Amino acid sequence: MCLTAAAFAAFLNIIAFDRIEQQDGRVIVHATTREAHWVARGDEWCTMAPQIDRMIRFASN
């Protein structure tokens, strides 16, 4: 999943500051279940979190 830089900034603004970490060119959002790593790709910020969550759900069935 990818978001434009403006949409990503809006997303980060609604998350508690203590749940956001920046390191090595990525932004890590510490969610309740696991972390979501966001990486810049051109003008967008992308994460594999939805795909990882889906794989985990199917693997546990």
PDB file of N, CA and C in Angstrom:
ATOM      1  N   MET A   1       0.849  -1.157   0.000  1.00  0.00           N
ATOM      2  CA  MET A   1       0.000   0.000   0.000  1.00  0.00           C
ATOM      3  C   MET A   1       0.900   1.228   0.000  1.00  0.00           C
ATOM      4  N   CYS A   2       0.573   2.192  -0.820  1.00  0.00           N
ATOM      5  CA  CYS A   2       1.348   3.432  -0.884  1.00  0.00           C
ATOM      6  C   CYS A   2       0.427   4.636  -0.719  1.00  0.00           C
ATOM      7  N   LEU A   3       0.978   5.685  -0.123  1.00  0.00           N
ATOM      8  CA  LEU A   3       0.277   6.950   0.059  1.00  0.00           C
ATOM      9  C   LEU A   3       1.139   8.081  -0.494  1.00  0.00           C
ATOM     10  N   THR A   4       0.497   9.125  -0.969  1.00  0.00           N
ATOM     11  CA  THR A   4       1.266  10.306  -1.357  1.00  0.00           C
ATOM     12  C   THR A   4       1.893  10.896  -0.097  1.00  0.00           C
ATOM     13  N   ALA A   5       2.893  11.723  -0.271  1.00  0.00           N
ATOM     14  CA  ALA A   5       3.557  12.346   0.879  1.00  0.00           C
ATOM     15  C   ALA A   5       2.558  13.150   1.711  1.00  0.00           C
ATOM     16  N   ALA A   6       1.642  13.853   1.056  1.00  0.00           N
ATOM     17  CA  ALA A   6       0.644  14.649   1.775  1.00  0.00           C
ATOM     18  C   ALA A   6      -0.309  13.749   2.572  1.00  0.00           C
ATOM     19  N   ALA A   7      -0.760  12.659   1.976  1.00  0.00           N
ATOM     20  CA  ALA A   7      -1.655  11.732   2.670  1.00  0.00           C
ATOM     21  C   ALA A   7      -0.927  11.039   3.823  1.00  0.00           C
ATOM     22  N   PHE A   8       0.342  10.699   3.621  1.00  0.00           N
ATOM     23  CA  PHE A   8       1.132  10.061   4.678  1.00  0.00           C
ATOM     24  C   PHE A   8       1.316  11.025   5.852  1.00  0.00           C
ATOM     25  N   ALA A   9       1.580  12.294   5.564  1.00  0.00           N
ATOM     26  CA  ALA A   9       1.726  13.301   6.619  1.00  0.00           C
ATOM     27  C   ALA A   9       0.423  13.439   7.403  1.00  0.00           C
ATOM     28  N   ALA A  10      -0.712  13.450   6.708  1.00  0.00           N
ATOM     29  CA  ALA A  10      -2.006  13.531   7.387  1.00  0.00           C
ATOM     30  C   ALA A  10      -2.238  12.307   8.261  1.00  0.00           C
ATOM     31  N   PHE A  11      -1.882  11.132   7.755  1.00  0.00           N
ATOM     32  CA  PHE A  11      -1.997   9.884   8.511  1.00  0.00           C
ATOM     33  C   PHE A  11      -1.162   9.950   9.780  1.00  0.00           C
ATOM     34  N   LEU A  12       0.087  10.389   9.662  1.00  0.00           N
ATOM     35  CA  LEU A  12       0.968  10.461  10.835  1.00  0.00           C
ATOM     36  C   LEU A  12       0.467  11.475  11.857  1.00  0.00           C
ATOM     37  N   ASN A  13      -0.206  12.516  11.405  1.00  0.00           N
ATOM     38  CA  ASN A  13      -0.714  13.536  12.321  1.00  0.00           C
ATOM     39  C   ASN A  13      -1.855  13.043  13.206  1.00  0.00           C
ATOM     40  N   ILE A  14      -2.505  11.948  12.848  1.00  0.00           N
ATOM     41  CA  ILE A  14      -3.583  11.430  13.688  1.00  0.00           C
ATOM     42  C   ILE A  14      -3.113  10.309  14.619  1.00  0.00           C
ATOM     43  N   ILE A  15      -1.836   9.950  14.524  1.00  0.00           N
ATOM     44  CA  ILE A  15      -1.267   8.897  15.365  1.00  0.00           C
ATOM     45  C   ILE A  15      -0.506   9.547  16.515  1.00  0.00           C
ATOM     46  N   ALA A  16      -0.591   8.936  17.688  1.00  0.00           N
ATOM     47  CA  ALA A  16       0.141   9.445  18.856  1.00  0.00           C
ATOM     48  C   ALA A  16       1.640   9.469  18.556  1.00  0.00           C
ATOM     49  N   PHE A  17       2.275  10.578  18.920  1.00  0.00           N
ATOM     50  CA  PHE A  17       3.690  10.792  18.611  1.00  0.00           C
ATOM     51  C   PHE A  17       4.591   9.673  19.149  1.00  0.00           C
ATOM     52  N   ASP A  18       4.257   9.123  20.318  1.00  0.00           N
ATOM     53  CA  ASP A  18       5.105   8.086  20.919  1.00  0.00           C
ATOM     54  C   ASP A  18       5.007   6.744  20.199  1.00  0.00           C
ATOM     55  N   ARG A  19       4.119   6.626  19.227  1.00  0.00           N
ATOM     56  CA  ARG A  19       4.001   5.397  18.436  1.00  0.00           C
ATOM     57  C   ARG A  19       4.750   5.474  17.102  1.00  0.00           C
ATOM     58  N   ILE A  20       5.412   6.595  16.852  1.00  0.00           N
ATOM     59  CA  ILE A  20       6.110   6.809  15.585  1.00  0.00           C
ATOM     60  C   ILE A  20       7.605   6.906  15.840  1.00  0.00           C
ATOM     61  N   GLU A  21       8.367   6.206  15.015  1.00  0.00           N
ATOM     62  CA  GLU A  21       9.827   6.215  15.123  1.00  0.00           C
ATOM     63  C   GLU A  21      10.411   6.368  13.720  1.00  0.00           C
ATOM     64  N   GLN A  22      11.489   7.096  13.610  1.00  0.00           N
ATOM     65  CA  GLN A  22      12.151   7.247  12.319  1.00  0.00           C
ATOM     66  C   GLN A  22      13.561   6.713  12.435  1.00  0.00           C
ATOM     67  N   GLN A  23      13.950   5.847  11.498  1.00  0.00           N
ATOM     68  CA  GLN A  23      15.311   5.317  11.485  1.00  0.00           C
ATOM     69  C   GLN A  23      15.661   4.790  10.099  1.00  0.00           C
ATOM     70  N   ASP A  24      16.884   5.032   9.710  1.00  0.00           N
ATOM     71  CA  ASP A  24      17.432   4.500   8.454  1.00  0.00           C
ATOM     72  C   ASP A  24      16.518   4.693   7.243  1.00  0.00           C
ATOM     73  N   GLY A  25      15.999   5.893   7.044  1.00  0.00           N
ATOM     74  CA  GLY A  25      15.200   6.187   5.867  1.00  0.00           C
ATOM     75  C   GLY A  25      13.812   5.585   5.874  1.00  0.00           C
ATOM     76  N   ARG A  26      13.348   5.192   7.020  1.00  0.00           N
ATOM     77  CA  ARG A  26      11.999   4.638   7.118  1.00  0.00           C
ATOM     78  C   ARG A  26      11.293   5.193   8.330  1.00  0.00           C
ATOM     79  N   VAL A  27       9.983   5.114   8.310  1.00  0.00           N
ATOM     80  CA  VAL A  27       9.161   5.524   9.439  1.00  0.00           C
ATOM     81  C   VAL A  27       8.484   4.258   9.956  1.00  0.00           C
ATOM     82  N   ILE A  28       8.596   4.025  11.246  1.00  0.00           N
ATOM     83  CA  ILE A  28       8.011   2.837  11.861  1.00  0.00           C
ATOM     84  C   ILE A  28       6.851   3.277  12.744  1.00  0.00           C
ATOM     85  N   VAL A  29       5.689   2.709  12.488  1.00  0.00           N
ATOM     86  CA  VAL A  29       4.506   2.977  13.309  1.00  0.00           C
ATOM     87  C   VAL A  29       4.297   1.752  14.186  1.00  0.00           C
ATOM     88  N   HIS A  30       4.373   1.965  15.492  1.00  0.00           N
ATOM     89  CA  HIS A  30       4.194   0.875  16.455  1.00  0.00           C
ATOM     90  C   HIS A  30       2.706   0.715  16.737  1.00  0.00           C
ATOM     91  N   ALA A  31       2.114  -0.287  16.113  1.00  0.00           N
ATOM     92  CA  ALA A  31       0.686  -0.544  16.273  1.00  0.00           C
ATOM     93  C   ALA A  31       0.468  -1.543  17.408  1.00  0.00           C
ATOM     94  N   THR A  32      -0.770  -1.805  17.725  1.00  0.00           N
ATOM     95  CA  THR A  32      -1.095  -2.718  18.826  1.00  0.00           C
ATOM     96  C   THR A  32      -0.586  -4.127  18.561  1.00  0.00           C
ATOM     97  N   THR A  33      -0.775  -4.625  17.349  1.00  0.00           N
ATOM     98  CA  THR A  33      -0.404  -5.999  17.025  1.00  0.00           C
ATOM     99  C   THR A  33       1.054  -6.138  16.614  1.00  0.00           C
ATOM    100  N   ARG A  34       1.522  -5.262  15.735  1.00  0.00           N
ATOM    101  CA  ARG A  34       2.916  -5.320  15.261  1.00  0.00           C
ATOM    102  C   ARG A  34       3.274  -3.973  14.634  1.00  0.00           C
ATOM    103  N   GLU A  35       4.515  -3.859  14.192  1.00  0.00           N
ATOM    104  CA  GLU A  35       4.987  -2.612  13.596  1.00  0.00           C
ATOM    105  C   GLU A  35       4.656  -2.556  12.113  1.00  0.00           C
ATOM    106  N   ALA A  36       4.455  -1.338  11.624  1.00  0.00           N
ATOM    107  CA  ALA A  36       4.296  -1.107  10.182  1.00  0.00           C
ATOM    108  C   ALA A  36       5.456  -0.224   9.748  1.00  0.00           C
ATOM    109  N   HIS A  37       6.274  -0.731   8.845  1.00  0.00           N
ATOM    110  CA  HIS A  37       7.422   0.004   8.335  1.00  0.00           C
ATOM    111  C   HIS A  37       7.033   0.682   7.027  1.00  0.00           C
ATOM    112  N   TRP A  38       7.226   1.998   6.962  1.00  0.00           N
ATOM    113  CA  TRP A  38       6.933   2.793   5.769  1.00  0.00           C
ATOM    114  C   TRP A  38       8.251   3.260   5.170  1.00  0.00           C
ATOM    115  N   VAL A  39       8.385   3.121   3.848  1.00  0.00           N
ATOM    116  CA  VAL A  39       9.615   3.486   3.142  1.00  0.00           C
ATOM    117  C   VAL A  39       9.255   4.430   1.994  1.00  0.00           C
ATOM    118  N   ALA A  40      10.078   5.455   1.806  1.00  0.00           N
ATOM    119  CA  ALA A  40       9.855   6.407   0.707  1.00  0.00           C
ATOM    120  C   ALA A  40      10.226   5.757  -0.618  1.00  0.00           C
ATOM    121  N   ARG A  41       9.329   5.897  -1.589  1.00  0.00           N
ATOM    122  CA  ARG A  41       9.573   5.438  -2.967  1.00  0.00           C
ATOM    123  C   ARG A  41       9.160   6.570  -3.883  1.00  0.00           C
ATOM    124  N   GLY A  42      10.122   7.376  -4.254  1.00  0.00           N
ATOM    125  CA  GLY A  42       9.811   8.540  -5.080  1.00  0.00           C
ATOM    126  C   GLY A  42       8.990   9.539  -4.286  1.00  0.00           C
ATOM    127  N   ASP A  43       7.811   9.872  -4.796  1.00  0.00           N
ATOM    128  CA  ASP A  43       6.926  10.834  -4.140  1.00  0.00           C
ATOM    129  C   ASP A  43       5.907  10.164  -3.221  1.00  0.00           C
ATOM    130  N   GLU A  44       6.053   8.878  -2.981  1.00  0.00           N
ATOM    131  CA  GLU A  44       5.090   8.156  -2.156  1.00  0.00           C
ATOM    132  C   GLU A  44       5.788   7.462  -0.986  1.00  0.00           C
ATOM    133  N   TRP A  45       4.993   7.114   0.016  1.00  0.00           N
ATOM    134  CA  TRP A  45       5.454   6.316   1.152  1.00  0.00           C
ATOM    135  C   TRP A  45       4.691   5.002   1.107  1.00  0.00           C
ATOM    136  N   CYS A  46       5.421   3.879   1.183  1.00  0.00           N
ATOM    137  CA  CYS A  46       4.798   2.570   0.988  1.00  0.00           C
ATOM    138  C   CYS A  46       5.095   1.638   2.157  1.00  0.00           C
ATOM    139  N   THR A  47       4.145   0.719   2.406  1.00  0.00           N
ATOM    140  CA  THR A  47       4.301  -0.303   3.427  1.00  0.00           C
ATOM    141  C   THR A  47       3.759  -1.627   2.893  1.00  0.00           C
ATOM    142  N   MET A  48       4.300  -2.700   3.406  1.00  0.00           N
ATOM    143  CA  MET A  48       3.796  -4.037   3.082  1.00  0.00           C
ATOM    144  C   MET A  48       2.897  -4.557   4.198  1.00  0.00           C
ATOM    145  N   ALA A  49       2.573  -3.744   5.189  1.00  0.00           N
ATOM    146  CA  ALA A  49       1.804  -4.178   6.360  1.00  0.00           C
ATOM    147  C   ALA A  49       0.479  -4.866   5.997  1.00  0.00           C
ATOM    148  N   PRO A  50      -0.340  -4.330   5.080  1.00  0.00           N
ATOM    149  CA  PRO A  50      -1.594  -5.032   4.768  1.00  0.00           C
ATOM    150  C   PRO A  50      -1.375  -6.427   4.193  1.00  0.00           C
ATOM    151  N   GLN A  51      -0.378  -6.582   3.347  1.00  0.00           N
ATOM    152  CA  GLN A  51      -0.089  -7.893   2.759  1.00  0.00           C
ATOM    153  C   GLN A  51       0.430  -8.861   3.829  1.00  0.00           C
ATOM    154  N   ILE A  52       1.273  -8.360   4.734  1.00  0.00           N
ATOM    155  CA  ILE A  52       1.803  -9.203   5.811  1.00  0.00           C
ATOM    156  C   ILE A  52       0.669  -9.645   6.726  1.00  0.00           C
ATOM    157  N   ASP A  53      -0.221  -8.727   7.094  1.00  0.00           N
ATOM    158  CA  ASP A  53      -1.367  -9.079   7.927  1.00  0.00           C
ATOM    159  C   ASP A  53      -2.228 -10.145   7.266  1.00  0.00           C
ATOM    160  N   ARG A  54      -2.463 -10.004   5.973  1.00  0.00           N
ATOM    161  CA  ARG A  54      -3.282 -10.977   5.231  1.00  0.00           C
ATOM    162  C   ARG A  54      -2.599 -12.344   5.242  1.00  0.00           C
ATOM    163  N   MET A  55      -1.294 -12.390   5.007  1.00  0.00           N
ATOM    164  CA  MET A  55      -0.580 -13.670   5.012  1.00  0.00           C
ATOM    165  C   MET A  55      -0.656 -14.340   6.377  1.00  0.00           C
ATOM    166  N   ILE A  56      -0.540 -13.565   7.439  1.00  0.00           N
ATOM    167  CA  ILE A  56      -0.609 -14.114   8.789  1.00  0.00           C
ATOM    168  C   ILE A  56      -2.018 -14.673   9.067  1.00  0.00           C
ATOM    169  N   ARG A  57      -3.054 -13.952   8.655  1.00  0.00           N
ATOM    170  CA  ARG A  57      -4.429 -14.423   8.865  1.00  0.00           C
ATOM    171  C   ARG A  57      -4.676 -15.754   8.140  1.00  0.00           C
ATOM    172  N   PHE A  58      -4.213 -15.866   6.896  1.00  0.00           N
ATOM    173  CA  PHE A  58      -4.431 -17.096   6.135  1.00  0.00           C
ATOM    174  C   PHE A  58      -3.588 -18.242   6.678  1.00  0.00           C
ATOM    175  N   ALA A  59      -2.413 -17.975   7.168  1.00  0.00           N
ATOM    176  CA  ALA A  59      -1.533 -19.010   7.705  1.00  0.00           C
ATOM    177  C   ALA A  59      -2.072 -19.585   9.000  1.00  0.00           C
ATOM    178  N   SER A  60      -2.815 -18.784   9.761  1.00  0.00           N
ATOM    179  CA  SER A  60      -3.323 -19.263  11.051  1.00  0.00           C
ATOM    180  C   SER A  60      -4.632 -20.017  10.935  1.00  0.00           C
ATOM    181  N   ASN A  61      -5.221 -20.102   9.734  1.00  0.00           N
ATOM    182  CA  ASN A  61      -6.484 -20.850   9.544  1.00  0.00           C
ATOM    183  C   ASN A  61      -6.223 -22.274   9.203  1.00  0.00           C
TER     184      ASN A  61
END
